[in-house]
N, C-alpha and C. Protein backbone atom coordinates (compact mmCIF):
# COMPACT_ATOMS: atom_id res chain seq x y z
N MET A 1 143.89 102.50 -161.77
CA MET A 1 143.67 102.92 -160.41
C MET A 1 143.82 101.71 -159.48
N TYR A 2 144.57 101.93 -158.42
CA TYR A 2 144.74 100.87 -157.43
C TYR A 2 143.46 100.71 -156.62
N LEU A 3 143.05 99.46 -156.43
CA LEU A 3 141.84 99.15 -155.68
C LEU A 3 142.23 98.45 -154.38
N PRO A 4 141.64 98.81 -153.24
CA PRO A 4 141.99 98.12 -151.98
C PRO A 4 141.60 96.65 -152.03
N ILE A 5 142.43 95.84 -151.42
CA ILE A 5 142.22 94.39 -151.42
C ILE A 5 141.45 93.98 -150.16
N VAL A 6 140.46 93.14 -150.37
CA VAL A 6 139.62 92.64 -149.29
C VAL A 6 140.40 91.59 -148.50
N GLY A 7 140.35 91.69 -147.19
CA GLY A 7 141.07 90.77 -146.33
C GLY A 7 140.24 89.58 -145.88
N TYR A 8 140.95 88.54 -145.50
CA TYR A 8 140.36 87.32 -144.95
C TYR A 8 139.36 87.68 -143.86
N GLY A 9 138.21 87.03 -143.90
CA GLY A 9 137.17 87.29 -142.93
C GLY A 9 136.02 88.10 -143.51
N ASP A 10 136.27 88.79 -144.61
CA ASP A 10 135.19 89.55 -145.25
C ASP A 10 134.23 88.57 -145.91
N PRO A 11 132.92 88.73 -145.71
CA PRO A 11 131.94 87.77 -146.25
C PRO A 11 131.99 87.60 -147.77
N ILE A 12 132.45 88.61 -148.50
CA ILE A 12 132.46 88.48 -149.96
C ILE A 12 133.39 87.35 -150.42
N LEU A 13 134.40 87.05 -149.62
CA LEU A 13 135.34 85.97 -149.99
C LEU A 13 134.72 84.59 -149.84
N ARG A 14 133.52 84.53 -149.26
CA ARG A 14 132.84 83.24 -149.08
C ARG A 14 131.61 83.10 -149.99
N LYS A 15 131.38 84.09 -150.84
CA LYS A 15 130.22 84.06 -151.73
C LYS A 15 130.58 83.44 -153.08
N GLU A 16 129.59 82.83 -153.70
CA GLU A 16 129.72 82.33 -155.07
C GLU A 16 129.61 83.54 -156.00
N ALA A 17 130.63 83.79 -156.81
CA ALA A 17 130.63 84.94 -157.71
C ALA A 17 129.71 84.68 -158.90
N GLN A 18 129.16 85.75 -159.43
CA GLN A 18 128.20 85.66 -160.53
C GLN A 18 128.89 85.81 -161.89
N PRO A 19 128.43 85.07 -162.91
CA PRO A 19 128.98 85.23 -164.26
C PRO A 19 128.72 86.65 -164.78
N ILE A 20 129.55 87.07 -165.71
CA ILE A 20 129.36 88.39 -166.31
C ILE A 20 129.15 88.26 -167.82
N THR A 21 128.60 89.30 -168.40
CA THR A 21 128.30 89.35 -169.83
C THR A 21 129.09 90.50 -170.47
N PRO A 22 129.15 90.54 -171.80
CA PRO A 22 129.92 91.60 -172.48
C PRO A 22 129.45 93.02 -172.16
N ASP A 23 128.24 93.17 -171.67
CA ASP A 23 127.76 94.52 -171.36
C ASP A 23 128.07 94.95 -169.92
N TYR A 24 128.94 94.21 -169.23
CA TYR A 24 129.30 94.61 -167.86
C TYR A 24 129.94 96.01 -167.94
N PRO A 25 129.48 96.94 -167.10
CA PRO A 25 129.94 98.34 -167.21
C PRO A 25 131.44 98.50 -166.95
N ASN A 26 132.07 99.27 -167.82
CA ASN A 26 133.49 99.65 -167.67
C ASN A 26 134.42 98.46 -167.47
N LEU A 27 134.17 97.36 -168.18
CA LEU A 27 134.94 96.14 -167.99
C LEU A 27 136.42 96.33 -168.32
N LYS A 28 136.72 96.99 -169.43
CA LYS A 28 138.13 97.18 -169.80
C LYS A 28 138.88 97.95 -168.72
N GLN A 29 138.26 99.01 -168.20
CA GLN A 29 138.90 99.78 -167.14
C GLN A 29 139.07 98.93 -165.88
N LEU A 30 138.07 98.13 -165.55
CA LEU A 30 138.16 97.26 -164.39
C LEU A 30 139.32 96.28 -164.53
N ILE A 31 139.46 95.69 -165.71
CA ILE A 31 140.57 94.76 -165.95
C ILE A 31 141.91 95.47 -165.78
N ASP A 32 142.04 96.66 -166.35
CA ASP A 32 143.27 97.44 -166.20
C ASP A 32 143.55 97.74 -164.73
N ASP A 33 142.51 98.13 -164.00
CA ASP A 33 142.67 98.44 -162.57
C ASP A 33 143.06 97.19 -161.78
N MET A 34 142.51 96.04 -162.16
CA MET A 34 142.86 94.81 -161.45
C MET A 34 144.33 94.44 -161.70
N PHE A 35 144.80 94.59 -162.94
CA PHE A 35 146.23 94.33 -163.20
C PHE A 35 147.10 95.30 -162.39
N GLU A 36 146.74 96.57 -162.39
CA GLU A 36 147.53 97.56 -161.63
C GLU A 36 147.55 97.21 -160.14
N THR A 37 146.41 96.83 -159.61
CA THR A 37 146.31 96.45 -158.19
C THR A 37 147.18 95.23 -157.90
N MET A 38 147.08 94.22 -158.77
CA MET A 38 147.85 92.99 -158.58
C MET A 38 149.35 93.27 -158.59
N TYR A 39 149.81 94.05 -159.58
CA TYR A 39 151.24 94.35 -159.68
C TYR A 39 151.71 95.22 -158.52
N THR A 40 150.90 96.19 -158.13
CA THR A 40 151.27 97.07 -157.01
C THR A 40 151.45 96.26 -155.73
N ALA A 41 150.61 95.24 -155.56
CA ALA A 41 150.67 94.40 -154.36
C ALA A 41 151.66 93.26 -154.52
N ASP A 42 152.36 93.20 -155.65
CA ASP A 42 153.37 92.18 -155.93
C ASP A 42 152.76 90.78 -155.99
N GLY A 43 151.57 90.69 -156.60
CA GLY A 43 150.91 89.40 -156.76
C GLY A 43 151.06 88.87 -158.18
N VAL A 44 150.59 87.64 -158.39
CA VAL A 44 150.61 87.02 -159.71
C VAL A 44 149.19 86.69 -160.19
N GLY A 45 148.21 86.89 -159.33
CA GLY A 45 146.82 86.65 -159.69
C GLY A 45 145.91 87.44 -158.77
N LEU A 46 144.74 87.79 -159.30
CA LEU A 46 143.77 88.53 -158.50
C LEU A 46 142.38 88.20 -159.03
N ALA A 47 141.48 87.85 -158.13
CA ALA A 47 140.10 87.55 -158.47
C ALA A 47 139.23 88.73 -158.03
N ALA A 48 138.15 88.98 -158.78
CA ALA A 48 137.29 90.12 -158.49
C ALA A 48 136.76 90.15 -157.05
N PRO A 49 136.41 89.01 -156.42
CA PRO A 49 135.97 89.10 -155.02
C PRO A 49 137.02 89.73 -154.09
N GLN A 50 138.28 89.65 -154.48
CA GLN A 50 139.34 90.24 -153.65
C GLN A 50 139.35 91.76 -153.72
N ILE A 51 138.61 92.33 -154.67
CA ILE A 51 138.47 93.79 -154.73
C ILE A 51 137.02 94.18 -154.49
N ASP A 52 136.30 93.28 -153.82
CA ASP A 52 134.93 93.54 -153.36
C ASP A 52 133.89 93.52 -154.47
N LEU A 53 134.12 92.72 -155.52
CA LEU A 53 133.15 92.53 -156.58
C LEU A 53 132.87 91.04 -156.72
N SER A 54 131.64 90.66 -156.52
CA SER A 54 131.30 89.24 -156.58
C SER A 54 130.93 88.83 -158.01
N ILE A 55 131.92 88.93 -158.90
CA ILE A 55 131.76 88.56 -160.30
C ILE A 55 132.88 87.59 -160.70
N GLN A 56 132.64 86.82 -161.77
CA GLN A 56 133.60 85.82 -162.21
C GLN A 56 134.62 86.43 -163.17
N LEU A 57 135.60 87.09 -162.58
CA LEU A 57 136.67 87.75 -163.33
C LEU A 57 137.98 87.55 -162.59
N VAL A 58 139.01 87.12 -163.34
CA VAL A 58 140.33 86.86 -162.78
C VAL A 58 141.37 87.47 -163.71
N VAL A 59 142.42 88.07 -163.14
CA VAL A 59 143.58 88.46 -163.93
C VAL A 59 144.80 87.71 -163.38
N ILE A 60 145.68 87.33 -164.29
CA ILE A 60 146.89 86.59 -163.94
C ILE A 60 148.05 87.19 -164.73
N GLY A 61 149.17 87.40 -164.07
CA GLY A 61 150.35 87.91 -164.76
C GLY A 61 151.62 87.48 -164.05
N PHE A 62 152.55 86.91 -164.82
CA PHE A 62 153.83 86.46 -164.25
C PHE A 62 154.83 86.23 -165.37
N ARG A 63 156.10 86.20 -165.01
CA ARG A 63 157.15 85.81 -165.95
C ARG A 63 157.42 84.33 -165.75
N PRO A 64 157.32 83.52 -166.82
CA PRO A 64 157.52 82.07 -166.68
C PRO A 64 158.93 81.73 -166.20
N TYR A 65 159.00 80.71 -165.36
CA TYR A 65 160.27 80.23 -164.81
C TYR A 65 160.69 78.96 -165.55
N ASP A 66 161.94 78.91 -165.95
CA ASP A 66 162.50 77.74 -166.63
C ASP A 66 163.40 77.00 -165.65
N GLU A 67 162.94 75.83 -165.18
CA GLU A 67 163.72 75.08 -164.19
C GLU A 67 165.06 74.61 -164.75
N ALA A 68 165.12 74.29 -166.03
CA ALA A 68 166.35 73.79 -166.64
C ALA A 68 167.47 74.84 -166.59
N THR A 69 167.12 76.10 -166.80
CA THR A 69 168.14 77.16 -166.80
C THR A 69 168.12 78.00 -165.53
N ASP A 70 167.14 77.75 -164.65
CA ASP A 70 167.00 78.49 -163.40
C ASP A 70 166.89 80.00 -163.66
N THR A 71 166.11 80.34 -164.70
CA THR A 71 165.91 81.74 -165.04
C THR A 71 164.44 82.01 -165.33
N TYR A 72 164.09 83.29 -165.27
CA TYR A 72 162.75 83.71 -165.64
C TYR A 72 162.77 84.21 -167.08
N GLY A 73 161.73 83.91 -167.81
CA GLY A 73 161.63 84.34 -169.20
C GLY A 73 161.50 85.85 -169.30
N PRO A 74 161.90 86.42 -170.44
CA PRO A 74 161.84 87.87 -170.60
C PRO A 74 160.41 88.38 -170.82
N GLU A 75 159.55 87.54 -171.38
CA GLU A 75 158.19 87.95 -171.69
C GLU A 75 157.24 87.54 -170.58
N GLU A 76 156.39 88.45 -170.20
CA GLU A 76 155.40 88.18 -169.18
C GLU A 76 154.18 87.52 -169.81
N GLU A 77 153.64 86.53 -169.09
CA GLU A 77 152.36 85.95 -169.48
C GLU A 77 151.26 86.75 -168.78
N ARG A 78 150.26 87.17 -169.55
CA ARG A 78 149.10 87.88 -168.98
C ARG A 78 147.85 87.16 -169.45
N HIS A 79 146.95 86.93 -168.50
CA HIS A 79 145.71 86.23 -168.82
C HIS A 79 144.54 86.92 -168.14
N VAL A 80 143.44 87.03 -168.86
CA VAL A 80 142.17 87.49 -168.30
C VAL A 80 141.21 86.31 -168.43
N LEU A 81 140.64 85.89 -167.32
CA LEU A 81 139.70 84.77 -167.30
C LEU A 81 138.33 85.29 -166.88
N ILE A 82 137.38 85.20 -167.79
CA ILE A 82 136.01 85.58 -167.49
C ILE A 82 135.17 84.31 -167.46
N ASN A 83 134.38 84.16 -166.42
CA ASN A 83 133.52 82.99 -166.24
C ASN A 83 134.29 81.67 -166.44
N PRO A 84 135.47 81.52 -165.80
CA PRO A 84 136.27 80.31 -166.01
C PRO A 84 135.64 79.08 -165.38
N GLU A 85 135.92 77.93 -165.99
CA GLU A 85 135.39 76.67 -165.49
C GLU A 85 136.45 75.58 -165.66
N ILE A 86 136.79 74.94 -164.56
CA ILE A 86 137.71 73.80 -164.63
C ILE A 86 136.89 72.58 -165.04
N LEU A 87 137.19 72.05 -166.23
CA LEU A 87 136.43 70.93 -166.76
C LEU A 87 136.97 69.59 -166.28
N GLU A 88 138.29 69.56 -166.04
CA GLU A 88 138.91 68.29 -165.65
C GLU A 88 140.27 68.56 -165.01
N GLU A 89 140.58 67.78 -163.99
CA GLU A 89 141.91 67.81 -163.38
C GLU A 89 142.75 66.75 -164.07
N ARG A 90 144.01 67.07 -164.35
CA ARG A 90 144.88 66.13 -165.05
C ARG A 90 146.26 66.09 -164.40
N GLY A 91 146.95 64.99 -164.61
CA GLY A 91 148.31 64.86 -164.09
C GLY A 91 148.34 64.56 -162.61
N GLU A 92 149.54 64.51 -162.10
CA GLU A 92 149.76 64.25 -160.68
C GLU A 92 149.41 65.48 -159.86
N LYS A 93 149.04 65.25 -158.62
CA LYS A 93 148.87 66.37 -157.70
C LYS A 93 150.23 66.70 -157.09
N GLN A 94 150.48 67.98 -156.96
CA GLN A 94 151.76 68.43 -156.44
C GLN A 94 151.55 69.53 -155.40
N TYR A 95 152.47 69.56 -154.42
CA TYR A 95 152.46 70.65 -153.44
C TYR A 95 153.22 71.84 -154.02
N PHE A 96 152.73 73.02 -153.68
CA PHE A 96 153.40 74.25 -154.07
C PHE A 96 153.08 75.28 -153.00
N ASN A 97 154.07 76.07 -152.64
CA ASN A 97 153.88 77.07 -151.59
C ASN A 97 153.08 78.25 -152.14
N GLU A 98 151.90 78.47 -151.57
CA GLU A 98 151.01 79.53 -152.04
C GLU A 98 150.85 80.60 -150.98
N GLY A 99 150.63 81.80 -151.47
CA GLY A 99 150.24 82.92 -150.63
C GLY A 99 149.01 83.54 -151.26
N CYS A 100 148.48 84.56 -150.63
CA CYS A 100 147.27 85.20 -151.15
C CYS A 100 147.26 86.65 -150.68
N LEU A 101 146.93 87.56 -151.58
CA LEU A 101 146.88 88.97 -151.21
C LEU A 101 145.83 89.24 -150.15
N SER A 102 144.80 88.42 -150.06
CA SER A 102 143.76 88.58 -149.03
C SER A 102 144.17 87.97 -147.69
N LEU A 103 145.24 87.21 -147.68
CA LEU A 103 145.76 86.61 -146.45
C LEU A 103 147.24 86.99 -146.32
N PRO A 104 147.52 88.27 -146.06
CA PRO A 104 148.92 88.73 -146.06
C PRO A 104 149.77 88.02 -145.02
N GLU A 105 151.03 87.84 -145.40
CA GLU A 105 152.05 87.27 -144.51
C GLU A 105 151.80 85.81 -144.17
N LEU A 106 151.01 85.11 -144.97
CA LEU A 106 150.73 83.70 -144.74
C LEU A 106 151.03 82.92 -146.02
N HIS A 107 151.86 81.91 -145.91
CA HIS A 107 152.21 81.03 -147.03
C HIS A 107 152.17 79.59 -146.54
N GLU A 108 151.56 78.73 -147.35
CA GLU A 108 151.44 77.31 -146.99
C GLU A 108 151.55 76.46 -148.24
N ASP A 109 152.00 75.22 -148.07
CA ASP A 109 152.05 74.27 -149.17
C ASP A 109 150.65 73.73 -149.43
N VAL A 110 150.21 73.84 -150.69
CA VAL A 110 148.86 73.44 -151.09
C VAL A 110 148.97 72.39 -152.19
N LEU A 111 148.20 71.32 -152.06
CA LEU A 111 148.19 70.23 -153.03
C LEU A 111 147.13 70.50 -154.10
N ARG A 112 147.61 70.55 -155.36
CA ARG A 112 146.70 70.79 -156.50
C ARG A 112 147.20 69.97 -157.69
N PRO A 113 146.30 69.68 -158.65
CA PRO A 113 146.72 68.98 -159.87
C PRO A 113 147.71 69.84 -160.66
N GLU A 114 148.68 69.18 -161.31
CA GLU A 114 149.67 69.94 -162.07
C GLU A 114 149.10 70.49 -163.37
N LYS A 115 148.01 69.90 -163.88
CA LYS A 115 147.39 70.37 -165.12
C LYS A 115 145.87 70.35 -164.95
N ILE A 116 145.21 71.23 -165.69
CA ILE A 116 143.75 71.25 -165.72
C ILE A 116 143.28 71.52 -167.14
N LEU A 117 142.09 71.05 -167.45
CA LEU A 117 141.42 71.43 -168.68
C LEU A 117 140.51 72.59 -168.30
N LEU A 118 140.77 73.75 -168.89
CA LEU A 118 140.10 74.98 -168.48
C LEU A 118 139.33 75.59 -169.65
N ARG A 119 138.11 76.03 -169.37
CA ARG A 119 137.33 76.79 -170.35
C ARG A 119 137.09 78.18 -169.76
N TRP A 120 137.31 79.22 -170.57
CA TRP A 120 137.10 80.58 -170.12
C TRP A 120 136.86 81.50 -171.31
N LEU A 121 136.42 82.69 -171.00
CA LEU A 121 136.29 83.76 -171.98
C LEU A 121 137.40 84.76 -171.72
N ASP A 122 138.00 85.30 -172.79
CA ASP A 122 139.01 86.34 -172.59
C ASP A 122 138.34 87.71 -172.54
N GLU A 123 139.14 88.77 -172.49
CA GLU A 123 138.58 90.12 -172.35
C GLU A 123 137.73 90.55 -173.55
N ASN A 124 137.87 89.84 -174.69
CA ASN A 124 137.04 90.11 -175.87
C ASN A 124 135.85 89.16 -175.95
N PHE A 125 135.65 88.39 -174.91
CA PHE A 125 134.59 87.39 -174.80
C PHE A 125 134.71 86.29 -175.86
N GLU A 126 135.96 86.01 -176.24
CA GLU A 126 136.24 84.86 -177.10
C GLU A 126 136.49 83.67 -176.19
N GLU A 127 135.86 82.52 -176.55
CA GLU A 127 135.97 81.33 -175.71
C GLU A 127 137.26 80.57 -175.99
N HIS A 128 137.86 80.06 -174.92
CA HIS A 128 139.05 79.22 -175.00
C HIS A 128 138.79 77.97 -174.17
N THR A 129 139.23 76.83 -174.67
CA THR A 129 139.25 75.59 -173.91
C THR A 129 140.59 74.94 -174.18
N GLU A 130 141.40 74.80 -173.14
CA GLU A 130 142.70 74.17 -173.35
C GLU A 130 143.24 73.59 -172.05
N GLU A 131 144.15 72.64 -172.24
CA GLU A 131 144.85 72.10 -171.09
C GLU A 131 145.97 73.06 -170.74
N ILE A 132 146.01 73.45 -169.48
CA ILE A 132 147.08 74.34 -169.04
C ILE A 132 147.84 73.67 -167.90
N GLY A 133 149.09 74.05 -167.76
CA GLY A 133 149.93 73.48 -166.71
C GLY A 133 150.83 74.55 -166.13
N GLY A 134 151.75 74.11 -165.29
CA GLY A 134 152.74 75.01 -164.71
C GLY A 134 152.12 76.10 -163.85
N MET A 135 152.78 77.24 -163.87
CA MET A 135 152.36 78.36 -163.04
C MET A 135 150.96 78.85 -163.42
N PHE A 136 150.65 78.86 -164.71
CA PHE A 136 149.33 79.30 -165.15
C PHE A 136 148.24 78.45 -164.50
N ALA A 137 148.41 77.12 -164.51
CA ALA A 137 147.41 76.22 -163.92
C ALA A 137 147.32 76.43 -162.41
N ARG A 138 148.45 76.59 -161.75
CA ARG A 138 148.46 76.76 -160.30
C ARG A 138 147.71 78.04 -159.91
N VAL A 139 148.06 79.15 -160.56
CA VAL A 139 147.44 80.42 -160.21
C VAL A 139 145.97 80.42 -160.60
N ALA A 140 145.64 79.86 -161.76
CA ALA A 140 144.24 79.81 -162.19
C ALA A 140 143.39 79.04 -161.17
N GLN A 141 143.88 77.91 -160.68
CA GLN A 141 143.12 77.14 -159.69
C GLN A 141 142.91 77.94 -158.41
N HIS A 142 143.96 78.61 -157.96
CA HIS A 142 143.88 79.42 -156.74
C HIS A 142 142.82 80.52 -156.90
N GLU A 143 142.88 81.23 -158.03
CA GLU A 143 141.96 82.35 -158.25
C GLU A 143 140.53 81.87 -158.50
N ILE A 144 140.37 80.76 -159.21
CA ILE A 144 139.03 80.23 -159.44
C ILE A 144 138.39 79.78 -158.13
N ASP A 145 139.21 79.30 -157.19
CA ASP A 145 138.68 79.00 -155.85
C ASP A 145 137.99 80.24 -155.26
N HIS A 146 138.61 81.42 -155.44
CA HIS A 146 138.00 82.65 -154.92
C HIS A 146 136.61 82.89 -155.51
N LEU A 147 136.44 82.51 -156.78
CA LEU A 147 135.14 82.72 -157.42
C LEU A 147 134.07 81.80 -156.84
N HIS A 148 134.51 80.76 -156.14
CA HIS A 148 133.58 79.80 -155.53
C HIS A 148 133.56 79.90 -154.01
N GLY A 149 134.03 81.03 -153.49
CA GLY A 149 133.95 81.28 -152.05
C GLY A 149 134.97 80.53 -151.22
N LYS A 150 136.10 80.17 -151.84
CA LYS A 150 137.14 79.43 -151.12
C LYS A 150 138.44 80.22 -151.09
N VAL A 151 139.21 80.01 -150.04
CA VAL A 151 140.57 80.53 -149.95
C VAL A 151 141.52 79.35 -149.80
N PHE A 152 142.80 79.56 -150.06
CA PHE A 152 143.72 78.42 -150.10
C PHE A 152 143.83 77.67 -148.79
N THR A 153 143.55 78.33 -147.68
CA THR A 153 143.63 77.63 -146.39
C THR A 153 142.54 76.57 -146.25
N ASP A 154 141.48 76.68 -147.05
CA ASP A 154 140.43 75.66 -147.04
C ASP A 154 140.96 74.32 -147.53
N ARG A 155 142.05 74.33 -148.26
CA ARG A 155 142.63 73.12 -148.83
C ARG A 155 143.68 72.48 -147.92
N LEU A 156 143.89 73.05 -146.75
CA LEU A 156 144.88 72.51 -145.82
C LEU A 156 144.24 71.43 -144.93
N SER A 157 145.09 70.58 -144.38
CA SER A 157 144.60 69.54 -143.47
C SER A 157 144.09 70.18 -142.18
N PRO A 158 143.21 69.49 -141.46
CA PRO A 158 142.72 70.03 -140.18
C PRO A 158 143.86 70.36 -139.21
N LEU A 159 144.88 69.52 -139.18
CA LEU A 159 146.02 69.77 -138.29
C LEU A 159 146.73 71.07 -138.69
N ARG A 160 146.97 71.24 -139.99
CA ARG A 160 147.67 72.44 -140.46
C ARG A 160 146.83 73.69 -140.18
N LYS A 161 145.50 73.58 -140.35
CA LYS A 161 144.63 74.72 -140.06
C LYS A 161 144.72 75.11 -138.59
N THR A 162 144.81 74.12 -137.72
CA THR A 162 144.95 74.39 -136.29
C THR A 162 146.28 75.11 -136.03
N MET A 163 147.32 74.67 -136.73
CA MET A 163 148.65 75.25 -136.52
C MET A 163 148.75 76.70 -136.98
N ILE A 164 147.92 77.11 -137.93
CA ILE A 164 147.99 78.49 -138.44
C ILE A 164 146.88 79.38 -137.88
N LYS A 165 146.12 78.87 -136.91
CA LYS A 165 144.98 79.61 -136.36
C LYS A 165 145.38 81.00 -135.85
N ARG A 166 146.50 81.10 -135.19
CA ARG A 166 146.95 82.40 -134.66
C ARG A 166 147.22 83.37 -135.81
N LYS A 167 147.85 82.89 -136.89
CA LYS A 167 148.11 83.76 -138.04
C LYS A 167 146.81 84.23 -138.68
N LEU A 168 145.83 83.33 -138.79
CA LEU A 168 144.54 83.71 -139.35
C LEU A 168 143.85 84.75 -138.46
N ASN A 169 143.93 84.57 -137.15
CA ASN A 169 143.34 85.54 -136.23
C ASN A 169 144.03 86.90 -136.35
N ASN A 170 145.34 86.89 -136.55
CA ASN A 170 146.07 88.15 -136.73
C ASN A 170 145.58 88.89 -137.98
N ILE A 171 145.31 88.13 -139.04
CA ILE A 171 144.79 88.75 -140.27
C ILE A 171 143.40 89.31 -140.00
N LEU A 172 142.54 88.53 -139.33
CA LEU A 172 141.19 88.99 -139.00
C LEU A 172 141.21 90.27 -138.17
N GLU A 173 142.17 90.38 -137.27
CA GLU A 173 142.23 91.52 -136.36
C GLU A 173 143.06 92.68 -136.92
N GLY A 174 143.53 92.55 -138.16
CA GLY A 174 144.29 93.63 -138.78
C GLY A 174 145.69 93.80 -138.21
N LYS A 175 146.25 92.72 -137.70
CA LYS A 175 147.58 92.79 -137.08
C LYS A 175 148.70 92.43 -138.06
N THR A 176 148.41 92.43 -139.34
CA THR A 176 149.44 92.20 -140.35
C THR A 176 149.77 93.54 -140.98
N HIS A 177 150.90 93.60 -141.65
CA HIS A 177 151.36 94.86 -142.23
C HIS A 177 151.79 94.68 -143.68
N PRO A 178 150.81 94.41 -144.56
CA PRO A 178 151.17 94.27 -145.96
C PRO A 178 151.63 95.61 -146.52
N LYS A 179 152.39 95.54 -147.61
CA LYS A 179 152.92 96.76 -148.24
C LYS A 179 151.95 97.28 -149.29
N TYR A 180 150.69 96.93 -149.15
CA TYR A 180 149.66 97.40 -150.06
C TYR A 180 148.41 97.71 -149.24
N ARG A 181 147.53 98.49 -149.83
CA ARG A 181 146.33 98.95 -149.13
C ARG A 181 145.27 97.86 -149.12
N MET A 182 144.67 97.66 -147.96
CA MET A 182 143.61 96.68 -147.81
C MET A 182 142.34 97.36 -147.34
N LYS A 183 141.22 96.80 -147.75
CA LYS A 183 139.91 97.26 -147.26
C LYS A 183 139.75 96.73 -145.85
N ARG A 184 139.41 97.57 -144.95
CA ARG A 184 139.22 97.14 -143.57
C ARG A 184 137.89 96.44 -143.44
N SER A 185 137.91 95.28 -142.83
CA SER A 185 136.66 94.53 -142.64
C SER A 185 135.92 95.07 -141.43
N VAL A 186 134.69 94.67 -141.29
CA VAL A 186 133.87 95.09 -140.15
C VAL A 186 134.55 94.70 -138.85
N LYS A 187 135.09 93.48 -138.83
CA LYS A 187 135.75 92.99 -137.61
C LYS A 187 136.96 93.87 -137.26
N ASN A 188 137.68 94.33 -138.31
CA ASN A 188 138.87 95.16 -138.08
C ASN A 188 138.51 96.55 -137.56
N ASN A 189 137.29 96.99 -137.77
CA ASN A 189 136.90 98.34 -137.37
C ASN A 189 136.36 98.42 -135.95
N ARG A 190 136.27 97.32 -135.27
CA ARG A 190 135.72 97.39 -133.91
C ARG A 190 136.69 98.12 -132.98
N PRO A 191 136.17 98.74 -131.92
CA PRO A 191 137.02 99.53 -131.01
C PRO A 191 137.94 98.66 -130.18
């Protein structure tokens, strides 16, 4: 089932999400719904706060890109991150153009480490700790920010934030037109 995506300005996007346990109700269905929502909205990652749940759950799905051959791999990578924790940043920091389903029609270059040491639980609550890089690391960092009440624009310079203020106000006022359903915020419902 497709779930409406929470837009920038909604207070849930600024809350610290709570860890979950194996007895979380209907978890498998929620994970399936989050993947469906992410794919319907043409995203590569989705955090539970973006669907109005303040829990530590992230889904990620994408086809890996091979720079050497300039092609996308045939197999999709799918990841479920429960209660993820970045233990260490590794490698050089690199800029990459990011967007966010909660901030439609806005893309900016964001500086993040190219690799991280990540610990998480999968959908079976099996623990993983590994160094990840590439697209997986980039998307994981973006989505884990959501679990800590941050959006990618928080990582921009003060000057850049000033330059995109009008775009952020347009999102707050519901003046964007994403091709997916969004939950209307209180601010968007005013007369």
